[in-house]
Amino acid sequence: MTARQSSDKRYSFSYPKDEIIPTIANLELQYVHLQQVFIMLRQDYENSKHYLPGARYKLLKAMVKVTLLKKNMKRAGYFVQPYNVIDLNKELRRMSKLERAQKSQQISNLRDKYLYAYIQLYKLQRDFKGLNRVCCSRRYQRLKMMIKRIIHDDVLMSE
């Protein structure tokens, strides 16, 4: 493969043939999985409270790393990709007006949820990367505050 072919492939806005174009029901399921990541973070945080700060710091770091896995960021960033929205619009064109209005509202609500989750994950990632610039004695408190911001968020934790 030449350099030109690889650059064309990188900027291609179509799905691979073996990948299924996501439907609205699939997107709702993906959001449930994303929400479970936040719920798992809350449960792990609550379970880590009985550890001493030194051991707990390592646990909190591991929790944030699991939350920021590439698949979770990709799942949350679905609506950030313009070609995904185009595919959803193609799906809408095949429906009647009444169905289209209902599905448009569902997509709008999903888009808001996904974007909010993506922004929160991005902030967590940014703050986590910046943790090394903070004095060692303050890292533990900063890490706790980053996690608390996520686990006490009513929008992310609503079911």
Protein backbone atom coordinates (compact mmCIF):
# COMPACT_ATOMS: atom_id res chain seq x y z
CA MET A 1 0.00 0.00 0.00
CA THR A 2 1.41 3.38 -0.95
CA ALA A 3 1.42 6.46 1.24
CA ARG A 4 -1.30 7.99 -0.94
CA GLN A 5 -3.58 4.98 -0.51
CA SER A 6 -3.14 4.94 3.26
CA SER A 7 -3.94 8.65 3.55
CA ASP A 8 -7.08 8.16 1.42
CA LYS A 9 -8.16 5.29 3.65
CA ARG A 10 -7.59 7.34 6.80
CA TYR A 11 -9.93 10.11 5.64
CA SER A 12 -12.59 7.81 4.24
CA PHE A 13 -16.05 8.51 5.64
CA SER A 14 -17.62 5.12 5.08
CA TYR A 15 -17.99 2.07 7.26
CA PRO A 16 -15.98 -1.05 6.52
CA LYS A 17 -18.12 -3.67 4.80
CA ASP A 18 -18.00 -6.02 7.77
CA GLU A 19 -19.13 -3.38 10.28
CA ILE A 20 -22.87 -2.92 10.82
CA ILE A 21 -24.23 0.60 10.54
CA PRO A 22 -25.52 1.41 14.03
CA THR A 23 -29.25 1.77 14.50
CA ILE A 24 -30.94 3.90 17.09
CA ALA A 25 -31.65 0.86 19.28
CA ASN A 26 -27.99 -0.11 19.08
CA LEU A 27 -27.00 3.42 20.08
CA GLU A 28 -29.26 3.25 23.12
CA LEU A 29 -27.65 -0.06 24.08
CA GLN A 30 -24.17 1.44 23.61
CA TYR A 31 -25.15 4.34 25.89
CA VAL A 32 -26.31 1.86 28.55
CA HIS A 33 -22.88 0.20 28.36
CA LEU A 34 -21.22 3.60 28.66
CA GLN A 35 -23.38 4.44 31.65
CA GLN A 36 -22.40 1.15 33.29
CA VAL A 37 -18.77 2.29 33.12
CA PHE A 38 -19.67 5.33 35.22
CA ILE A 39 -21.72 3.23 37.64
CA MET A 40 -18.83 0.78 38.00
CA LEU A 41 -16.53 3.72 38.76
CA ARG A 42 -18.89 4.86 41.51
CA GLN A 43 -19.09 1.37 43.03
CA ASP A 44 -15.32 0.90 42.93
CA TYR A 45 -14.83 4.32 44.50
CA GLU A 46 -17.20 3.48 47.34
CA ASN A 47 -15.49 0.11 47.88
CA SER A 48 -12.05 1.74 48.04
CA LYS A 49 -12.88 3.99 50.99
CA HIS A 50 -11.60 1.57 53.61
CA TYR A 51 -8.04 1.56 52.19
CA LEU A 52 -5.24 3.75 53.49
CA PRO A 53 -4.39 6.75 51.24
CA GLY A 54 -1.22 5.21 49.78
CA ALA A 55 -2.92 2.02 48.66
CA ARG A 56 -6.09 3.85 47.73
CA TYR A 57 -4.19 6.23 45.46
CA LYS A 58 -3.05 3.27 43.34
CA LEU A 59 -6.61 1.94 43.21
CA LEU A 60 -8.01 5.32 42.19
CA LYS A 61 -5.44 5.61 39.41
CA ALA A 62 -6.38 2.17 38.13
CA MET A 63 -10.09 3.07 38.24
CA VAL A 64 -9.54 6.18 36.14
CA LYS A 65 -7.42 4.24 33.65
CA VAL A 66 -10.16 1.64 33.22
CA THR A 67 -12.75 4.39 32.77
CA LEU A 68 -10.61 6.06 30.12
CA LEU A 69 -10.08 2.94 28.03
CA LYS A 70 -10.04 3.61 24.31
CA LYS A 71 -13.29 1.71 23.71
CA ASN A 72 -15.14 3.90 26.23
CA MET A 73 -13.81 7.10 24.66
CA LYS A 74 -14.76 5.82 21.21
CA ARG A 75 -18.22 4.83 22.42
CA ALA A 76 -18.80 8.23 24.01
CA GLY A 77 -17.45 10.10 21.00
CA TYR A 78 -19.88 8.53 18.54
CA PHE A 79 -21.72 11.75 17.71
CA VAL A 80 -18.49 13.70 17.44
CA GLN A 81 -17.79 11.86 14.16
CA PRO A 82 -19.68 13.62 11.33
CA TYR A 83 -20.10 10.51 9.18
CA ASN A 84 -22.01 8.76 11.98
CA VAL A 85 -24.62 11.54 12.00
CA ILE A 86 -24.88 11.32 8.19
CA ASP A 87 -25.61 7.59 8.43
CA LEU A 88 -28.34 8.22 10.98
CA ASN A 89 -29.87 10.84 8.69
CA LYS A 90 -29.87 8.30 5.83
CA GLU A 91 -31.74 5.90 8.08
CA LEU A 92 -34.29 8.61 8.91
CA ARG A 93 -35.04 9.33 5.25
CA ARG A 94 -36.44 5.83 4.81
CA MET A 95 -39.18 6.39 7.43
CA SER A 96 -42.60 8.02 7.34
CA LYS A 97 -43.05 11.58 8.65
CA LEU A 98 -44.46 10.50 12.01
CA GLU A 99 -41.71 7.94 12.59
CA ARG A 100 -39.13 10.45 11.40
CA ALA A 101 -40.29 13.05 13.96
CA GLN A 102 -40.18 10.52 16.80
CA LYS A 103 -36.80 9.14 15.80
CA SER A 104 -35.38 12.63 15.29
CA GLN A 105 -36.32 13.44 18.88
CA GLN A 106 -34.71 10.20 20.08
CA ILE A 107 -31.55 10.96 18.14
CA SER A 108 -31.45 14.48 19.53
CA ASN A 109 -31.76 13.19 23.09
CA LEU A 110 -29.11 10.53 22.46
CA ARG A 111 -26.79 13.10 20.89
CA ASP A 112 -27.06 15.29 23.99
CA LYS A 113 -26.35 12.36 26.31
CA TYR A 114 -23.40 11.13 24.27
CA LEU A 115 -21.85 14.58 23.95
CA TYR A 116 -22.21 15.23 27.68
CA ALA A 117 -20.60 11.87 28.51
CA TYR A 118 -17.83 12.55 25.99
CA ILE A 119 -17.12 15.98 27.47
CA GLN A 120 -16.96 14.53 30.99
CA LEU A 121 -14.63 11.74 29.88
CA TYR A 122 -12.46 14.21 28.00
CA LYS A 123 -12.20 16.44 31.10
CA LEU A 124 -11.29 13.41 33.20
CA GLN A 125 -8.64 12.41 30.67
CA ARG A 126 -7.22 15.95 30.50
CA ASP A 127 -7.09 16.30 34.28
CA PHE A 128 -5.60 12.83 34.69
CA LYS A 129 -2.81 13.62 32.23
CA GLY A 130 -2.15 16.89 34.04
CA LEU A 131 -1.90 15.13 37.39
CA ASN A 132 1.85 14.66 36.95
CA ARG A 133 2.34 18.45 37.00
CA VAL A 134 0.85 18.63 40.50
CA CYS A 135 2.89 18.26 43.66
CA CYS A 136 2.96 14.65 44.91
CA SER A 137 1.22 15.48 48.16
CA ARG A 138 -1.79 16.96 46.31
CA ARG A 139 -2.24 14.26 43.68
CA TYR A 140 -4.35 12.03 45.90
CA GLN A 141 -6.81 14.84 46.70
CA ARG A 142 -6.94 15.92 43.05
CA LEU A 143 -7.61 12.36 41.92
CA LYS A 144 -10.43 12.01 44.45
CA MET A 145 -11.98 15.27 43.26
CA MET A 146 -11.81 14.19 39.61
CA ILE A 147 -13.63 10.96 40.39
CA LYS A 148 -16.18 12.65 42.65
CA ARG A 149 -17.04 15.07 39.83
CA ILE A 150 -18.04 12.08 37.70
CA ILE A 151 -19.77 9.92 40.31
CA HIS A 152 -21.85 12.76 41.76
CA ASP A 153 -23.06 13.91 38.33
CA ASP A 154 -26.82 13.37 38.17
CA VAL A 155 -26.94 13.33 34.36
CA LEU A 156 -24.36 10.57 33.99
CA MET A 157 -25.76 8.49 36.83
CA SER A 158 -29.44 8.77 35.89
CA GLU A 159 -30.96 5.54 34.64
